[in-house]
């Protein structure tokens, strides 16, 4: 859990993902299109650590565990929560507040 907390604190936007997950791909694409520099952790490419991180994310309430998006150190949720914020026009202000977006 401590490792996950350190990872979440590294950048304003942190995404825990799996390289084969289409929902993870759509979230990474959205942030890329917005010009946000994210820290992305591909859990399926981290054999042992990935399973431990996924278990910690589950403990934090991430269900499903990927994609798991954190903005400004706070858990936002998965694809549906991020897309809902985006469609409501609330994602960009949240990114600006976290220092992840300047425009």
PDB file of N, CA and C in Angstrom:
ATOM      1  N   UNK A   1       0.827  -1.188   0.000  1.00  0.00           N
ATOM      2  CA  UNK A   1       0.000   0.000   0.000  1.00  0.00           C
ATOM      3  C   UNK A   1       0.879   1.262   0.000  1.00  0.00           C
ATOM      4  N   UNK A   2       1.964   1.229   0.753  1.00  0.00           N
ATOM      5  CA  UNK A   2       2.880   2.374   0.806  1.00  0.00           C
ATOM      6  C   UNK A   2       3.488   2.646  -0.567  1.00  0.00           C
ATOM      7  N   UNK A   3       3.812   1.581  -1.279  1.00  0.00           N
ATOM      8  CA  UNK A   3       4.385   1.733  -2.616  1.00  0.00           C
ATOM      9  C   UNK A   3       3.392   2.429  -3.540  1.00  0.00           C
ATOM     10  N   UNK A   4       2.142   2.035  -3.471  1.00  0.00           N
ATOM     11  CA  UNK A   4       1.112   2.652  -4.308  1.00  0.00           C
ATOM     12  C   UNK A   4       0.958   4.128  -3.942  1.00  0.00           C
ATOM     13  N   UNK A   5       0.985   4.442  -2.673  1.00  0.00           N
ATOM     14  CA  UNK A   5       0.882   5.842  -2.227  1.00  0.00           C
ATOM     15  C   UNK A   5       2.024   6.681  -2.791  1.00  0.00           C
ATOM     16  N   UNK A   6       3.232   6.124  -2.795  1.00  0.00           N
ATOM     17  CA  UNK A   6       4.381   6.847  -3.365  1.00  0.00           C
ATOM     18  C   UNK A   6       4.201   7.046  -4.868  1.00  0.00           C
ATOM     19  N   UNK A   7       3.706   6.025  -5.543  1.00  0.00           N
ATOM     20  CA  UNK A   7       3.503   6.113  -6.992  1.00  0.00           C
ATOM     21  C   UNK A   7       2.462   7.184  -7.318  1.00  0.00           C
ATOM     22  N   UNK A   8       1.401   7.231  -6.531  1.00  0.00           N
ATOM     23  CA  UNK A   8       0.320   8.186  -6.759  1.00  0.00           C
ATOM     24  C   UNK A   8       0.818   9.618  -6.573  1.00  0.00           C
ATOM     25  N   UNK A   9       1.771   9.815  -5.691  1.00  0.00           N
ATOM     26  CA  UNK A   9       2.282  11.144  -5.391  1.00  0.00           C
ATOM     27  C   UNK A   9       3.315  11.641  -6.406  1.00  0.00           C
ATOM     28  N   UNK A  10       3.780  10.772  -7.319  1.00  0.00           N
ATOM     29  CA  UNK A  10       4.849  11.130  -8.245  1.00  0.00           C
ATOM     30  C   UNK A  10       4.494  12.229  -9.230  1.00  0.00           C
ATOM     31  N   UNK A  11       3.285  12.212  -9.748  1.00  0.00           N
ATOM     32  CA  UNK A  11       2.868  13.168 -10.769  1.00  0.00           C
ATOM     33  C   UNK A  11       1.430  13.592 -10.490  1.00  0.00           C
ATOM     34  N   UNK A  12       1.007  14.710 -11.088  1.00  0.00           N
ATOM     35  CA  UNK A  12      -0.370  15.146 -10.882  1.00  0.00           C
ATOM     36  C   UNK A  12      -1.422  14.137 -11.381  1.00  0.00           C
ATOM     37  N   UNK A  13      -1.077  13.375 -12.429  1.00  0.00           N
ATOM     38  CA  UNK A  13      -2.009  12.368 -12.946  1.00  0.00           C
ATOM     39  C   UNK A  13      -1.290  11.034 -13.037  1.00  0.00           C
ATOM     40  N   UNK A  14      -1.868  10.030 -12.382  1.00  0.00           N
ATOM     41  CA  UNK A  14      -1.302   8.684 -12.386  1.00  0.00           C
ATOM     42  C   UNK A  14      -2.386   7.717 -12.845  1.00  0.00           C
ATOM     43  N   UNK A  15      -2.000   6.861 -13.786  1.00  0.00           N
ATOM     44  CA  UNK A  15      -2.932   5.858 -14.316  1.00  0.00           C
ATOM     45  C   UNK A  15      -2.329   4.483 -14.112  1.00  0.00           C
ATOM     46  N   UNK A  16      -3.087   3.613 -13.463  1.00  0.00           N
ATOM     47  CA  UNK A  16      -2.723   2.203 -13.364  1.00  0.00           C
ATOM     48  C   UNK A  16      -3.529   1.498 -14.439  1.00  0.00           C
ATOM     49  N   UNK A  17      -2.834   0.753 -15.285  1.00  0.00           N
ATOM     50  CA  UNK A  17      -3.405   0.251 -16.520  1.00  0.00           C
ATOM     51  C   UNK A  17      -2.931  -1.166 -16.793  1.00  0.00           C
ATOM     52  N   UNK A  18      -3.529  -1.763 -17.797  1.00  0.00           N
ATOM     53  CA  UNK A  18      -3.006  -3.000 -18.391  1.00  0.00           C
ATOM     54  C   UNK A  18      -2.920  -2.756 -19.885  1.00  0.00           C
ATOM     55  N   UNK A  19      -1.821  -3.162 -20.472  1.00  0.00           N
ATOM     56  CA  UNK A  19      -1.566  -2.866 -21.882  1.00  0.00           C
ATOM     57  C   UNK A  19      -2.598  -3.493 -22.817  1.00  0.00           C
ATOM     58  N   UNK A  20      -3.268  -4.544 -22.384  1.00  0.00           N
ATOM     59  CA  UNK A  20      -4.237  -5.231 -23.235  1.00  0.00           C
ATOM     60  C   UNK A  20      -5.685  -4.782 -22.980  1.00  0.00           C
ATOM     61  N   UNK A  21      -5.880  -3.789 -22.117  1.00  0.00           N
ATOM     62  CA  UNK A  21      -7.223  -3.367 -21.720  1.00  0.00           C
ATOM     63  C   UNK A  21      -7.694  -2.202 -22.588  1.00  0.00           C
ATOM     64  N   UNK A  22      -8.813  -2.387 -23.294  1.00  0.00           N
ATOM     65  CA  UNK A  22      -9.308  -1.335 -24.176  1.00  0.00           C
ATOM     66  C   UNK A  22      -9.798  -0.116 -23.394  1.00  0.00           C
ATOM     67  N   UNK A  23     -10.325  -0.307 -22.185  1.00  0.00           N
ATOM     68  CA  UNK A  23     -10.753   0.835 -21.367  1.00  0.00           C
ATOM     69  C   UNK A  23      -9.540   1.656 -20.932  1.00  0.00           C
ATOM     70  N   UNK A  24      -8.462   0.968 -20.583  1.00  0.00           N
ATOM     71  CA  UNK A  24      -7.222   1.662 -20.221  1.00  0.00           C
ATOM     72  C   UNK A  24      -6.705   2.458 -21.410  1.00  0.00           C
ATOM     73  N   UNK A  25      -6.772   1.870 -22.582  1.00  0.00           N
ATOM     74  CA  UNK A  25      -6.311   2.548 -23.799  1.00  0.00           C
ATOM     75  C   UNK A  25      -7.094   3.837 -24.028  1.00  0.00           C
ATOM     76  N   UNK A  26      -8.415   3.776 -23.853  1.00  0.00           N
ATOM     77  CA  UNK A  26      -9.229   4.970 -24.099  1.00  0.00           C
ATOM     78  C   UNK A  26      -8.903   6.076 -23.100  1.00  0.00           C
ATOM     79  N   UNK A  27      -8.636   5.724 -21.852  1.00  0.00           N
ATOM     80  CA  UNK A  27      -8.281   6.722 -20.843  1.00  0.00           C
ATOM     81  C   UNK A  27      -6.916   7.340 -21.154  1.00  0.00           C
ATOM     82  N   UNK A  28      -5.941   6.504 -21.490  1.00  0.00           N
ATOM     83  CA  UNK A  28      -4.611   7.022 -21.833  1.00  0.00           C
ATOM     84  C   UNK A  28      -4.685   7.926 -23.061  1.00  0.00           C
ATOM     85  N   UNK A  29      -5.501   7.554 -24.030  1.00  0.00           N
ATOM     86  CA  UNK A  29      -5.671   8.371 -25.237  1.00  0.00           C
ATOM     87  C   UNK A  29      -6.312   9.715 -24.906  1.00  0.00           C
ATOM     88  N   UNK A  30      -7.313   9.709 -24.037  1.00  0.00           N
ATOM     89  CA  UNK A  30      -7.975  10.951 -23.645  1.00  0.00           C
ATOM     90  C   UNK A  30      -6.973  11.923 -23.024  1.00  0.00           C
ATOM     91  N   UNK A  31      -6.209  11.454 -22.054  1.00  0.00           N
ATOM     92  CA  UNK A  31      -5.248  12.333 -21.399  1.00  0.00           C
ATOM     93  C   UNK A  31      -4.162  12.796 -22.365  1.00  0.00           C
ATOM     94  N   UNK A  32      -3.752  11.936 -23.260  1.00  0.00           N
ATOM     95  CA  UNK A  32      -2.761  12.315 -24.269  1.00  0.00           C
ATOM     96  C   UNK A  32      -3.333  13.399 -25.183  1.00  0.00           C
ATOM     97  N   UNK A  33      -4.569  13.222 -25.621  1.00  0.00           N
ATOM     98  CA  UNK A  33      -5.216  14.214 -26.488  1.00  0.00           C
ATOM     99  C   UNK A  33      -5.378  15.558 -25.787  1.00  0.00           C
ATOM    100  N   UNK A  34      -5.559  15.532 -24.468  1.00  0.00           N
ATOM    101  CA  UNK A  34      -5.686  16.766 -23.697  1.00  0.00           C
ATOM    102  C   UNK A  34      -4.328  17.416 -23.431  1.00  0.00           C
ATOM    103  N   UNK A  35      -3.236  16.704 -23.739  1.00  0.00           N
ATOM    104  CA  UNK A  35      -1.893  17.241 -23.528  1.00  0.00           C
ATOM    105  C   UNK A  35      -1.391  17.067 -22.106  1.00  0.00           C
ATOM    106  N   UNK A  36      -1.943  16.091 -21.404  1.00  0.00           N
ATOM    107  CA  UNK A  36      -1.557  15.853 -20.015  1.00  0.00           C
ATOM    108  C   UNK A  36      -0.436  14.827 -19.972  1.00  0.00           C
ATOM    109  N   UNK A  37       0.627  15.145 -19.256  1.00  0.00           N
ATOM    110  CA  UNK A  37       1.750  14.233 -19.065  1.00  0.00           C
ATOM    111  C   UNK A  37       1.440  13.365 -17.846  1.00  0.00           C
ATOM    112  N   UNK A  38       1.159  12.114 -18.067  1.00  0.00           N
ATOM    113  CA  UNK A  38       0.755  11.208 -16.990  1.00  0.00           C
ATOM    114  C   UNK A  38       1.864  10.223 -16.639  1.00  0.00           C
ATOM    115  N   UNK A  39       1.772   9.688 -15.450  1.00  0.00           N
ATOM    116  CA  UNK A  39       2.591   8.530 -15.077  1.00  0.00           C
ATOM    117  C   UNK A  39       1.684   7.322 -15.296  1.00  0.00           C
ATOM    118  N   UNK A  40       2.096   6.429 -16.172  1.00  0.00           N
ATOM    119  CA  UNK A  40       1.298   5.242 -16.482  1.00  0.00           C
ATOM    120  C   UNK A  40       2.055   4.012 -16.018  1.00  0.00           C
ATOM    121  N   UNK A  41       1.380   3.193 -15.256  1.00  0.00           N
ATOM    122  CA  UNK A  41       1.955   1.932 -14.788  1.00  0.00           C
ATOM    123  C   UNK A  41       1.161   0.791 -15.400  1.00  0.00           C
ATOM    124  N   UNK A  42       1.823   0.040 -16.282  1.00  0.00           N
ATOM    125  CA  UNK A  42       1.201  -1.115 -16.940  1.00  0.00           C
ATOM    126  C   UNK A  42       1.384  -2.327 -16.025  1.00  0.00           C
ATOM    127  N   UNK A  43       0.354  -2.682 -15.297  1.00  0.00           N
ATOM    128  CA  UNK A  43       0.466  -3.723 -14.282  1.00  0.00           C
ATOM    129  C   UNK A  43       0.783  -5.097 -14.861  1.00  0.00           C
ATOM    130  N   UNK A  44       0.341  -5.353 -16.092  1.00  0.00           N
ATOM    131  CA  UNK A  44       0.623  -6.654 -16.699  1.00  0.00           C
ATOM    132  C   UNK A  44       2.074  -6.769 -17.168  1.00  0.00           C
ATOM    133  N   UNK A  45       2.797  -5.660 -17.174  1.00  0.00           N
ATOM    134  CA  UNK A  45       4.211  -5.678 -17.551  1.00  0.00           C
ATOM    135  C   UNK A  45       5.121  -5.644 -16.324  1.00  0.00           C
ATOM    136  N   UNK A  46       4.516  -5.740 -15.150  1.00  0.00           N
ATOM    137  CA  UNK A  46       5.253  -5.757 -13.880  1.00  0.00           C
ATOM    138  C   UNK A  46       4.864  -7.057 -13.165  1.00  0.00           C
ATOM    139  N   UNK A  47       5.451  -8.195 -13.560  1.00  0.00           N
ATOM    140  CA  UNK A  47       4.960  -9.500 -13.130  1.00  0.00           C
ATOM    141  C   UNK A  47       4.545  -9.619 -11.654  1.00  0.00           C
ATOM    142  N   UNK A  48       5.443  -9.559 -10.744  1.00  0.00           N
ATOM    143  CA  UNK A  48       5.077  -9.732  -9.337  1.00  0.00           C
ATOM    144  C   UNK A  48       4.502  -8.451  -8.735  1.00  0.00           C
ATOM    145  N   UNK A  49       5.185  -7.351  -8.977  1.00  0.00           N
ATOM    146  CA  UNK A  49       4.752  -6.072  -8.422  1.00  0.00           C
ATOM    147  C   UNK A  49       3.360  -5.697  -8.922  1.00  0.00           C
ATOM    148  N   UNK A  50       3.059  -6.016 -10.174  1.00  0.00           N
ATOM    149  CA  UNK A  50       1.753  -5.693 -10.742  1.00  0.00           C
ATOM    150  C   UNK A  50       0.613  -6.319  -9.971  1.00  0.00           C
ATOM    151  N   UNK A  51       0.784  -7.565  -9.580  1.00  0.00           N
ATOM    152  CA  UNK A  51      -0.269  -8.247  -8.795  1.00  0.00           C
ATOM    153  C   UNK A  51      -0.423  -7.602  -7.426  1.00  0.00           C
ATOM    154  N   UNK A  52       0.691  -7.249  -6.803  1.00  0.00           N
ATOM    155  CA  UNK A  52       0.638  -6.599  -5.493  1.00  0.00           C
ATOM    156  C   UNK A  52      -0.026  -5.229  -5.590  1.00  0.00           C
ATOM    157  N   UNK A  53       0.304  -4.478  -6.619  1.00  0.00           N
ATOM    158  CA  UNK A  53      -0.288  -3.157  -6.817  1.00  0.00           C
ATOM    159  C   UNK A  53      -1.780  -3.281  -7.083  1.00  0.00           C
ATOM    160  N   UNK A  54      -2.155  -4.263  -7.900  1.00  0.00           N
ATOM    161  CA  UNK A  54      -3.569  -4.480  -8.198  1.00  0.00           C
ATOM    162  C   UNK A  54      -4.350  -4.818  -6.920  1.00  0.00           C
ATOM    163  N   UNK A  55      -3.759  -5.611  -6.046  1.00  0.00           N
ATOM    164  CA  UNK A  55      -4.404  -5.943  -4.771  1.00  0.00           C
ATOM    165  C   UNK A  55      -4.561  -4.691  -3.909  1.00  0.00           C
ATOM    166  N   UNK A  56      -3.538  -3.832  -3.898  1.00  0.00           N
ATOM    167  CA  UNK A  56      -3.609  -2.582  -3.127  1.00  0.00           C
ATOM    168  C   UNK A  56      -4.680  -1.660  -3.698  1.00  0.00           C
ATOM    169  N   UNK A  57      -4.790  -1.593  -5.023  1.00  0.00           N
ATOM    170  CA  UNK A  57      -5.821  -0.759  -5.650  1.00  0.00           C
ATOM    171  C   UNK A  57      -7.216  -1.253  -5.280  1.00  0.00           C
ATOM    172  N   UNK A  58      -7.374  -2.553  -5.239  1.00  0.00           N
ATOM    173  CA  UNK A  58      -8.654  -3.134  -4.828  1.00  0.00           C
ATOM    174  C   UNK A  58      -8.995  -2.729  -3.402  1.00  0.00           C
ATOM    175  N   UNK A  59      -7.984  -2.747  -2.528  1.00  0.00           N
ATOM    176  CA  UNK A  59      -8.172  -2.340  -1.132  1.00  0.00           C
ATOM    177  C   UNK A  59      -8.589  -0.873  -1.042  1.00  0.00           C
ATOM    178  N   UNK A  60      -8.069  -0.045  -1.953  1.00  0.00           N
ATOM    179  CA  UNK A  60      -8.415   1.378  -1.974  1.00  0.00           C
ATOM    180  C   UNK A  60      -9.822   1.634  -2.511  1.00  0.00           C
ATOM    181  N   UNK A  61     -10.446   0.600  -3.069  1.00  0.00           N
ATOM    182  CA  UNK A  61     -11.803   0.750  -3.582  1.00  0.00           C
ATOM    183  C   UNK A  61     -11.909   0.811  -5.085  1.00  0.00           C
ATOM    184  N   UNK A  62     -10.832   0.584  -5.782  1.00  0.00           N
ATOM    185  CA  UNK A  62     -10.866   0.575  -7.240  1.00  0.00           C
ATOM    186  C   UNK A  62     -11.493  -0.736  -7.705  1.00  0.00           C
ATOM    187  N   UNK A  63     -12.639  -0.633  -8.339  1.00  0.00           N
ATOM    188  CA  UNK A  63     -13.322  -1.821  -8.835  1.00  0.00           C
ATOM    189  C   UNK A  63     -14.016  -1.462 -10.136  1.00  0.00           C
ATOM    190  N   UNK A  64     -13.547  -1.928 -11.275  1.00  0.00           N
ATOM    191  CA  UNK A  64     -12.397  -2.799 -11.481  1.00  0.00           C
ATOM    192  C   UNK A  64     -11.091  -2.067 -11.175  1.00  0.00           C
ATOM    193  N   UNK A  65     -10.046  -2.849 -11.031  1.00  0.00           N
ATOM    194  CA  UNK A  65      -8.765  -2.263 -10.610  1.00  0.00           C
ATOM    195  C   UNK A  65      -8.054  -1.494 -11.711  1.00  0.00           C
ATOM    196  N   UNK A  66      -8.369  -1.754 -12.966  1.00  0.00           N
ATOM    197  CA  UNK A  66      -7.784  -0.974 -14.074  1.00  0.00           C
ATOM    198  C   UNK A  66      -8.878  -0.610 -15.064  1.00  0.00           C
ATOM    199  N   UNK A  67      -8.804   0.544 -15.660  1.00  0.00           N
ATOM    200  CA  UNK A  67      -7.869   1.596 -15.318  1.00  0.00           C
ATOM    201  C   UNK A  67      -8.244   2.244 -13.987  1.00  0.00           C
ATOM    202  N   UNK A  68      -7.248   2.650 -13.242  1.00  0.00           N
ATOM    203  CA  UNK A  68      -7.448   3.400 -12.007  1.00  0.00           C
ATOM    204  C   UNK A  68      -6.733   4.734 -12.180  1.00  0.00           C
ATOM    205  N   UNK A  69      -7.485   5.808 -12.066  1.00  0.00           N
ATOM    206  CA  UNK A  69      -6.951   7.140 -12.331  1.00  0.00           C
ATOM    207  C   UNK A  69      -6.928   7.960 -11.043  1.00  0.00           C
ATOM    208  N   UNK A  70      -5.779   8.577 -10.800  1.00  0.00           N
ATOM    209  CA  UNK A  70      -5.599   9.454  -9.653  1.00  0.00           C
ATOM    210  C   UNK A  70      -5.189  10.828 -10.176  1.00  0.00           C
ATOM    211  N   UNK A  71      -5.877  11.851  -9.718  1.00  0.00           N
ATOM    212  CA  UNK A  71      -5.567  13.227 -10.112  1.00  0.00           C
ATOM    213  C   UNK A  71      -5.312  14.016  -8.842  1.00  0.00           C
ATOM    214  N   UNK A  72      -4.150  14.633  -8.785  1.00  0.00           N
ATOM    215  CA  UNK A  72      -3.787  15.393  -7.596  1.00  0.00           C
ATOM    216  C   UNK A  72      -3.736  14.542  -6.342  1.00  0.00           C
ATOM    217  N   UNK A  73      -3.349  13.284  -6.501  1.00  0.00           N
ATOM    218  CA  UNK A  73      -3.242  12.371  -5.370  1.00  0.00           C
ATOM    219  C   UNK A  73      -4.551  11.771  -4.912  1.00  0.00           C
ATOM    220  N   UNK A  74      -5.646  12.155  -5.556  1.00  0.00           N
ATOM    221  CA  UNK A  74      -6.965  11.654  -5.172  1.00  0.00           C
ATOM    222  C   UNK A  74      -7.483  10.672  -6.217  1.00  0.00           C
ATOM    223  N   UNK A  75      -8.103   9.595  -5.743  1.00  0.00           N
ATOM    224  CA  UNK A  75      -8.661   8.617  -6.670  1.00  0.00           C
ATOM    225  C   UNK A  75      -9.889   9.220  -7.351  1.00  0.00           C
ATOM    226  N   UNK A  76      -9.869   9.193  -8.680  1.00  0.00           N
ATOM    227  CA  UNK A  76     -11.009   9.645  -9.463  1.00  0.00           C
ATOM    228  C   UNK A  76     -11.888   8.451  -9.799  1.00  0.00           C
ATOM    229  N   UNK A  77     -11.255   7.330 -10.117  1.00  0.00           N
ATOM    230  CA  UNK A  77     -12.000   6.122 -10.462  1.00  0.00           C
ATOM    231  C   UNK A  77     -11.485   5.514 -11.740  1.00  0.00           C
ATOM    232  N   UNK A  78     -12.385   4.842 -12.424  1.00  0.00           N
ATOM    233  CA  UNK A  78     -12.038   4.162 -13.657  1.00  0.00           C
ATOM    234  C   UNK A  78     -12.522   4.921 -14.877  1.00  0.00           C
ATOM    235  N   UNK A  79     -12.715   4.182 -15.952  1.00  0.00           N
ATOM    236  CA  UNK A  79     -13.082   4.803 -17.222  1.00  0.00           C
ATOM    237  C   UNK A  79     -14.408   5.552 -17.139  1.00  0.00           C
ATOM    238  N   UNK A  80     -15.420   4.954 -16.553  1.00  0.00           N
ATOM    239  CA  UNK A  80     -16.730   5.603 -16.544  1.00  0.00           C
ATOM    240  C   UNK A  80     -16.714   6.901 -15.740  1.00  0.00           C
ATOM    241  N   UNK A  81     -15.996   6.919 -14.614  1.00  0.00           N
ATOM    242  CA  UNK A  81     -15.925   8.136 -13.813  1.00  0.00           C
ATOM    243  C   UNK A  81     -15.160   9.244 -14.530  1.00  0.00           C
ATOM    244  N   UNK A  82     -14.055   8.882 -15.175  1.00  0.00           N
ATOM    245  CA  UNK A  82     -13.257   9.879 -15.899  1.00  0.00           C
ATOM    246  C   UNK A  82     -14.046  10.415 -17.092  1.00  0.00           C
ATOM    247  N   UNK A  83     -14.681   9.538 -17.845  1.00  0.00           N
ATOM    248  CA  UNK A  83     -15.459   9.976 -19.010  1.00  0.00           C
ATOM    249  C   UNK A  83     -16.653  10.834 -18.583  1.00  0.00           C
ATOM    250  N   UNK A  84     -17.272  10.492 -17.466  1.00  0.00           N
ATOM    251  CA  UNK A  84     -18.380  11.298 -16.952  1.00  0.00           C
ATOM    252  C   UNK A  84     -17.896  12.706 -16.617  1.00  0.00           C
ATOM    253  N   UNK A  85     -16.757  12.799 -15.915  1.00  0.00           N
ATOM    254  CA  UNK A  85     -16.190  14.114 -15.610  1.00  0.00           C
ATOM    255  C   UNK A  85     -15.894  14.893 -16.888  1.00  0.00           C
ATOM    256  N   UNK A  86     -15.339  14.207 -17.883  1.00  0.00           N
ATOM    257  CA  UNK A  86     -14.989  14.856 -19.144  1.00  0.00           C
ATOM    258  C   UNK A  86     -16.239  15.380 -19.851  1.00  0.00           C
ATOM    259  N   UNK A  87     -17.275  14.563 -19.933  1.00  0.00           N
ATOM    260  CA  UNK A  87     -18.504  14.964 -20.623  1.00  0.00           C
ATOM    261  C   UNK A  87     -19.243  16.073 -19.878  1.00  0.00           C
ATOM    262  N   UNK A  88     -19.083  16.131 -18.567  1.00  0.00           N
ATOM    263  CA  UNK A  88     -19.720  17.181 -17.766  1.00  0.00           C
ATOM    264  C   UNK A  88     -18.900  18.472 -17.753  1.00  0.00           C
ATOM    265  N   UNK A  89     -17.712  18.431 -18.350  1.00  0.00           N
ATOM    266  CA  UNK A  89     -16.853  19.602 -18.373  1.00  0.00           C
ATOM    267  C   UNK A  89     -16.096  19.825 -17.072  1.00  0.00           C
ATOM    268  N   UNK A  90     -16.040  18.798 -16.231  1.00  0.00           N
ATOM    269  CA  UNK A  90     -15.387  18.933 -14.924  1.00  0.00           C
ATOM    270  C   UNK A  90     -13.967  18.377 -14.896  1.00  0.00           C
ATOM    271  N   UNK A  91     -13.561  17.660 -15.947  1.00  0.00           N
ATOM    272  CA  UNK A  91     -12.238  17.046 -15.946  1.00  0.00           C
ATOM    273  C   UNK A  91     -11.128  18.095 -16.096  1.00  0.00           C
ATOM    274  N   UNK A  92     -11.252  18.986 -17.063  1.00  0.00           N
ATOM    275  CA  UNK A  92     -10.198  19.986 -17.293  1.00  0.00           C
ATOM    276  C   UNK A  92      -9.970  20.874 -16.064  1.00  0.00           C
ATOM    277  N   UNK A  93     -11.025  21.373 -15.410  1.00  0.00           N
ATOM    278  CA  UNK A  93     -10.776  22.166 -14.193  1.00  0.00           C
ATOM    279  C   UNK A  93     -10.050  21.365 -13.110  1.00  0.00           C
ATOM    280  N   UNK A  94     -10.390  20.094 -12.976  1.00  0.00           N
ATOM    281  CA  UNK A  94      -9.727  19.234 -11.988  1.00  0.00           C
ATOM    282  C   UNK A  94      -8.248  19.078 -12.345  1.00  0.00           C
ATOM    283  N   UNK A  95      -7.949  18.919 -13.627  1.00  0.00           N
ATOM    284  CA  UNK A  95      -6.569  18.793 -14.085  1.00  0.00           C
ATOM    285  C   UNK A  95      -5.792  20.092 -13.868  1.00  0.00           C
ATOM    286  N   UNK A  96      -6.456  21.222 -14.104  1.00  0.00           N
ATOM    287  CA  UNK A  96      -5.807  22.526 -13.880  1.00  0.00           C
ATOM    288  C   UNK A  96      -5.488  22.713 -12.398  1.00  0.00           C
ATOM    289  N   UNK A  97      -6.419  22.374 -11.542  1.00  0.00           N
ATOM    290  CA  UNK A  97      -6.213  22.509 -10.099  1.00  0.00           C
ATOM    291  C   UNK A  97      -5.046  21.656  -9.625  1.00  0.00           C
ATOM    292  N   UNK A  98      -4.896  20.459 -10.223  1.00  0.00           N
ATOM    293  CA  UNK A  98      -3.818  19.549  -9.848  1.00  0.00           C
ATOM    294  C   UNK A  98      -2.475  19.953 -10.457  1.00  0.00           C
ATOM    295  N   UNK A  99      -2.477  20.909 -11.369  1.00  0.00           N
ATOM    296  CA  UNK A  99      -1.239  21.335 -12.016  1.00  0.00           C
ATOM    297  C   UNK A  99      -0.834  20.453 -13.184  1.00  0.00           C
ATOM    298  N   UNK A 100      -1.804  19.724 -13.725  1.00  0.00           N
ATOM    299  CA  UNK A 100      -1.519  18.830 -14.845  1.00  0.00           C
ATOM    300  C   UNK A 100      -1.856  19.441 -16.194  1.00  0.00           C
ATOM    301  N   UNK A 101      -2.569  20.558 -16.159  1.00  0.00           N
ATOM    302  CA  UNK A 101      -3.014  21.203 -17.398  1.00  0.00           C
ATOM    303  C   UNK A 101      -2.921  22.709 -17.187  1.00  0.00           C
ATOM    304  N   UNK A 102      -2.358  23.409 -18.152  1.00  0.00           N
ATOM    305  CA  UNK A 102      -2.146  24.838 -17.990  1.00  0.00           C
ATOM    306  C   UNK A 102      -3.045  25.675 -18.862  1.00  0.00           C
ATOM    307  N   UNK A 103      -3.666  25.110 -19.853  1.00  0.00           N
ATOM    308  CA  UNK A 103      -4.495  25.905 -20.783  1.00  0.00           C
ATOM    309  C   UNK A 103      -5.930  25.940 -20.377  1.00  0.00           C
TER     310      UNK A 103
END
